[in-house]
Amino acid sequence: MAAYLIVDELNVSDPETIKDYIKKAGVTIKANGGELLASGIPEALEGDWLPKRCVLVKFDTMERLKTWWNSNEYQALIPIRTSVSENNIIVIDGL
């Protein structure tokens, strides 16, 4: 069953550093079978949620997603992201 990673970007203090992080993270995602499905500024049709930017990544299974998340390669990138941005990150199983 597919699994999805959803990133709700709240704040970015250094756009250049986050661009570099995105490139590096993208390489690790692809190497672990992930696929970037969407990235951009979403439009809220209902409710008060006003995200600045969202990212949607698909993996074949939750196990592969968590293998990527816990990989040494991605774990090394997390401090870069957290030093220049605030995010909500969730995972969810597909149907």
C-alpha atoms as a PDB file:
ATOM      1  CA  MET A   1       0.000   0.000   0.000  1.00  0.00           C
ATOM      2  CA  ALA A   2       1.367   3.432  -0.901  1.00  0.00           C
ATOM      3  CA  ALA A   3       2.389   5.872   1.807  1.00  0.00           C
ATOM      4  CA  TYR A   4       2.602   9.643   1.636  1.00  0.00           C
ATOM      5  CA  LEU A   5       4.783  12.233   3.328  1.00  0.00           C
ATOM      6  CA  ILE A   6       3.177  15.658   3.650  1.00  0.00           C
ATOM      7  CA  VAL A   7       5.250  18.719   4.544  1.00  0.00           C
ATOM      8  CA  ASP A   8       3.550  21.919   5.686  1.00  0.00           C
ATOM      9  CA  GLU A   9       6.224  24.596   5.517  1.00  0.00           C
ATOM     10  CA  LEU A  10       5.591  27.251   8.156  1.00  0.00           C
ATOM     11  CA  ASN A  11       8.621  29.497   7.895  1.00  0.00           C
ATOM     12  CA  VAL A  12      11.932  29.720   6.017  1.00  0.00           C
ATOM     13  CA  SER A  13      14.624  32.086   7.286  1.00  0.00           C
ATOM     14  CA  ASP A  14      17.262  31.302   4.625  1.00  0.00           C
ATOM     15  CA  PRO A  15      15.868  30.540   1.146  1.00  0.00           C
ATOM     16  CA  GLU A  16      19.276  29.691  -0.356  1.00  0.00           C
ATOM     17  CA  THR A  17      20.046  27.085   2.296  1.00  0.00           C
ATOM     18  CA  ILE A  18      16.597  25.513   1.945  1.00  0.00           C
ATOM     19  CA  LYS A  19      17.070  25.296  -1.849  1.00  0.00           C
ATOM     20  CA  ASP A  20      20.288  23.361  -1.285  1.00  0.00           C
ATOM     21  CA  TYR A  21      18.544  21.121   1.252  1.00  0.00           C
ATOM     22  CA  ILE A  22      15.687  20.444  -1.206  1.00  0.00           C
ATOM     23  CA  LYS A  23      18.138  19.327  -3.912  1.00  0.00           C
ATOM     24  CA  LYS A  24      19.967  17.008  -1.530  1.00  0.00           C
ATOM     25  CA  ALA A  25      16.775  15.641   0.025  1.00  0.00           C
ATOM     26  CA  GLY A  26      15.353  15.002  -3.449  1.00  0.00           C
ATOM     27  CA  VAL A  27      18.318  12.784  -4.285  1.00  0.00           C
ATOM     28  CA  THR A  28      17.764  10.712  -1.123  1.00  0.00           C
ATOM     29  CA  ILE A  29      14.025  10.449  -1.783  1.00  0.00           C
ATOM     30  CA  LYS A  30      14.566   9.184  -5.325  1.00  0.00           C
ATOM     31  CA  ALA A  31      17.283   6.758  -4.200  1.00  0.00           C
ATOM     32  CA  ASN A  32      14.787   5.236  -1.761  1.00  0.00           C
ATOM     33  CA  GLY A  33      11.970   4.827  -4.274  1.00  0.00           C
ATOM     34  CA  GLY A  34      10.094   8.008  -3.397  1.00  0.00           C
ATOM     35  CA  GLU A  35       8.358  10.229  -5.906  1.00  0.00           C
ATOM     36  CA  LEU A  36       7.669  13.947  -5.538  1.00  0.00           C
ATOM     37  CA  LEU A  37       4.008  14.403  -6.468  1.00  0.00           C
ATOM     38  CA  ALA A  38       3.348  18.039  -5.587  1.00  0.00           C
ATOM     39  CA  SER A  39       5.153  21.105  -4.289  1.00  0.00           C
ATOM     40  CA  GLY A  40       3.898  24.640  -4.085  1.00  0.00           C
ATOM     41  CA  ILE A  41       1.450  27.031  -2.500  1.00  0.00           C
ATOM     42  CA  PRO A  42      -1.884  25.276  -1.974  1.00  0.00           C
ATOM     43  CA  GLU A  43      -5.265  26.940  -2.101  1.00  0.00           C
ATOM     44  CA  ALA A  44      -7.500  26.414   0.926  1.00  0.00           C
ATOM     45  CA  LEU A  45     -11.078  25.792  -0.172  1.00  0.00           C
ATOM     46  CA  GLU A  46     -12.468  25.522   3.354  1.00  0.00           C
ATOM     47  CA  GLY A  47     -11.257  26.249   6.872  1.00  0.00           C
ATOM     48  CA  ASP A  48      -8.558  28.469   8.346  1.00  0.00           C
ATOM     49  CA  TRP A  49      -5.460  26.604   7.210  1.00  0.00           C
ATOM     50  CA  LEU A  50      -3.235  29.000   5.254  1.00  0.00           C
ATOM     51  CA  PRO A  51      -0.064  27.079   4.413  1.00  0.00           C
ATOM     52  CA  LYS A  52       2.839  28.946   2.886  1.00  0.00           C
ATOM     53  CA  ARG A  53       4.018  25.902   0.941  1.00  0.00           C
ATOM     54  CA  CYS A  54       3.296  22.176   0.930  1.00  0.00           C
ATOM     55  CA  VAL A  55       5.116  19.151  -0.414  1.00  0.00           C
ATOM     56  CA  LEU A  56       3.630  15.725  -1.160  1.00  0.00           C
ATOM     57  CA  VAL A  57       5.902  12.702  -1.612  1.00  0.00           C
ATOM     58  CA  LYS A  58       4.768   9.154  -2.415  1.00  0.00           C
ATOM     59  CA  PHE A  59       6.553   5.938  -1.442  1.00  0.00           C
ATOM     60  CA  ASP A  60       5.520   2.385  -2.332  1.00  0.00           C
ATOM     61  CA  THR A  61       5.004   1.468   1.323  1.00  0.00           C
ATOM     62  CA  MET A  62       5.179   3.036   4.768  1.00  0.00           C
ATOM     63  CA  GLU A  63       8.170   0.785   5.445  1.00  0.00           C
ATOM     64  CA  ARG A  64      10.100   2.321   2.515  1.00  0.00           C
ATOM     65  CA  LEU A  65       9.106   5.808   3.606  1.00  0.00           C
ATOM     66  CA  LYS A  66      10.372   5.205   7.137  1.00  0.00           C
ATOM     67  CA  THR A  67      13.526   3.506   5.831  1.00  0.00           C
ATOM     68  CA  TRP A  68      14.234   6.697   3.873  1.00  0.00           C
ATOM     69  CA  TRP A  69      13.383   8.939   6.851  1.00  0.00           C
ATOM     70  CA  ASN A  70      15.681   6.978   9.171  1.00  0.00           C
ATOM     71  CA  SER A  71      18.512   6.579   6.646  1.00  0.00           C
ATOM     72  CA  ASN A  72      21.883   8.042   7.531  1.00  0.00           C
ATOM     73  CA  GLU A  73      21.787  10.103   4.333  1.00  0.00           C
ATOM     74  CA  TYR A  74      18.509  11.819   5.181  1.00  0.00           C
ATOM     75  CA  GLN A  75      19.167  12.104   8.916  1.00  0.00           C
ATOM     76  CA  ALA A  76      22.320  14.084   8.041  1.00  0.00           C
ATOM     77  CA  LEU A  77      20.140  16.615   6.181  1.00  0.00           C
ATOM     78  CA  ILE A  78      17.570  17.205   8.927  1.00  0.00           C
ATOM     79  CA  PRO A  79      19.769  19.662  10.886  1.00  0.00           C
ATOM     80  CA  ILE A  80      20.144  21.754   7.725  1.00  0.00           C
ATOM     81  CA  ARG A  81      16.369  21.940   7.302  1.00  0.00           C
ATOM     82  CA  THR A  82      15.605  22.612  10.948  1.00  0.00           C
ATOM     83  CA  SER A  83      18.246  25.341  11.208  1.00  0.00           C
ATOM     84  CA  VAL A  84      16.522  27.485   8.563  1.00  0.00           C
ATOM     85  CA  SER A  85      12.872  26.408   8.557  1.00  0.00           C
ATOM     86  CA  GLU A  86       9.907  25.347  10.646  1.00  0.00           C
ATOM     87  CA  ASN A  87       7.626  22.604   9.326  1.00  0.00           C
ATOM     88  CA  ASN A  88       4.847  20.267  10.199  1.00  0.00           C
ATOM     89  CA  ILE A  89       5.584  16.857   8.671  1.00  0.00           C
ATOM     90  CA  ILE A  90       3.122  13.980   8.686  1.00  0.00           C
ATOM     91  CA  VAL A  91       2.840  10.582   7.038  1.00  0.00           C
ATOM     92  CA  ILE A  92      -0.296   8.758   5.984  1.00  0.00           C
ATOM     93  CA  ASP A  93      -1.094   5.416   4.384  1.00  0.00           C
ATOM     94  CA  GLY A  94      -2.689   5.410   0.948  1.00  0.00           C
ATOM     95  CA  LEU A  95      -5.875   3.510   0.206  1.00  0.00           C
END
